[in-house]
Amino acid sequence: VVPRSAVLDAAGRSVVMAQVEGELFEERTVRTGAEAGDSIVIESGIDAGTRIVTRGGSYVRLAAHGSETIGHGHVH
């Protein structure tokens, strides 16, 4: 069970940002289950005890993807 704020929508997929080591984070696709209040069950996609970002995950996701996400590869 994790805070609902830890689960992000990535083009229709539910993802969390997992801390791989130090300042290195990786996007992990998860399958979610029951929700209660601000909590949601993660049924698969990460192991128990995996450290994940619970607040500000969208910023960590942007940083982890680098310039690949920002600007979508073209100038506006």
Protein backbone atom coordinates (compact mmCIF):
# COMPACT_ATOMS: atom_id res chain seq x y z
CA VAL A 1 0.00 0.00 0.00
CA VAL A 2 1.36 3.41 -1.05
CA PRO A 3 0.07 6.97 -1.04
CA ARG A 4 -2.10 7.68 -4.11
CA SER A 5 0.25 10.57 -4.93
CA ALA A 6 3.04 8.02 -5.65
CA VAL A 7 1.20 6.60 -8.68
CA LEU A 8 1.51 8.61 -11.89
CA ASP A 9 -0.36 8.32 -15.18
CA ALA A 10 2.04 7.83 -18.09
CA ALA A 11 0.00 7.67 -21.30
CA GLY A 12 -2.60 5.43 -19.67
CA ARG A 13 -0.11 3.32 -17.70
CA SER A 14 0.18 3.50 -13.93
CA VAL A 15 3.82 4.09 -12.96
CA VAL A 16 5.89 4.87 -9.89
CA MET A 17 9.38 6.29 -9.70
CA ALA A 18 11.63 3.79 -7.90
CA GLN A 19 14.95 4.76 -6.35
CA VAL A 20 17.57 2.51 -7.90
CA GLU A 21 20.51 3.95 -5.96
CA GLY A 22 21.55 7.34 -4.62
CA GLU A 23 20.05 9.96 -6.90
CA LEU A 24 19.17 7.47 -9.67
CA PHE A 25 15.45 6.82 -10.23
CA GLU A 26 13.70 4.53 -12.68
CA GLU A 27 10.12 4.45 -13.90
CA ARG A 28 8.32 1.21 -13.08
CA THR A 29 4.95 0.21 -14.52
CA VAL A 30 2.67 -1.12 -11.79
CA ARG A 31 -0.72 -2.75 -11.54
CA THR A 32 -2.87 -1.09 -8.93
CA GLY A 33 -5.70 -2.53 -6.87
CA ALA A 34 -8.06 -1.30 -4.20
CA GLU A 35 -8.06 2.32 -3.08
CA ALA A 36 -9.02 3.65 0.33
CA GLY A 37 -8.77 7.36 1.02
CA ASP A 38 -5.32 8.52 -0.02
CA SER A 39 -3.89 4.99 -0.22
CA ILE A 40 -3.72 2.53 -3.11
CA VAL A 41 -2.62 -1.09 -3.30
CA ILE A 42 0.23 -1.98 -5.69
CA GLU A 43 -0.47 -5.52 -6.87
CA SER A 44 2.57 -5.96 -9.10
CA GLY A 45 5.47 -4.13 -10.69
CA ILE A 46 7.62 -3.46 -7.63
CA ASP A 47 8.84 -5.59 -4.76
CA ALA A 48 7.93 -4.95 -1.13
CA GLY A 49 10.48 -2.60 0.38
CA THR A 50 11.30 -0.82 -2.89
CA ARG A 51 11.88 2.86 -2.20
CA ILE A 52 9.57 5.01 -4.32
CA VAL A 53 8.87 8.71 -4.69
CA THR A 54 5.65 9.57 -2.86
CA ARG A 55 5.46 13.33 -3.59
CA GLY A 56 6.68 15.23 -6.63
CA GLY A 57 7.07 12.10 -8.73
CA SER A 58 6.21 13.93 -11.94
CA TYR A 59 9.26 16.18 -11.44
CA VAL A 60 11.50 13.20 -10.77
CA ARG A 61 10.06 11.51 -13.87
CA LEU A 62 10.88 14.55 -16.01
CA ALA A 63 14.42 14.67 -14.65
CA ALA A 64 14.90 10.91 -15.16
CA HIS A 65 13.81 11.17 -18.80
CA GLY A 66 16.06 14.18 -19.41
CA SER A 67 15.45 16.16 -22.55
CA GLU A 68 13.62 13.25 -24.21
CA THR A 69 10.35 14.32 -22.53
CA ILE A 70 10.83 18.08 -22.40
CA GLY A 71 9.73 19.77 -25.62
CA HIS A 72 8.68 16.48 -27.22
CA GLY A 73 11.62 16.71 -29.63
CA HIS A 74 10.53 19.88 -31.36
CA VAL A 75 10.42 23.62 -30.83
CA HIS A 76 7.12 25.33 -29.98
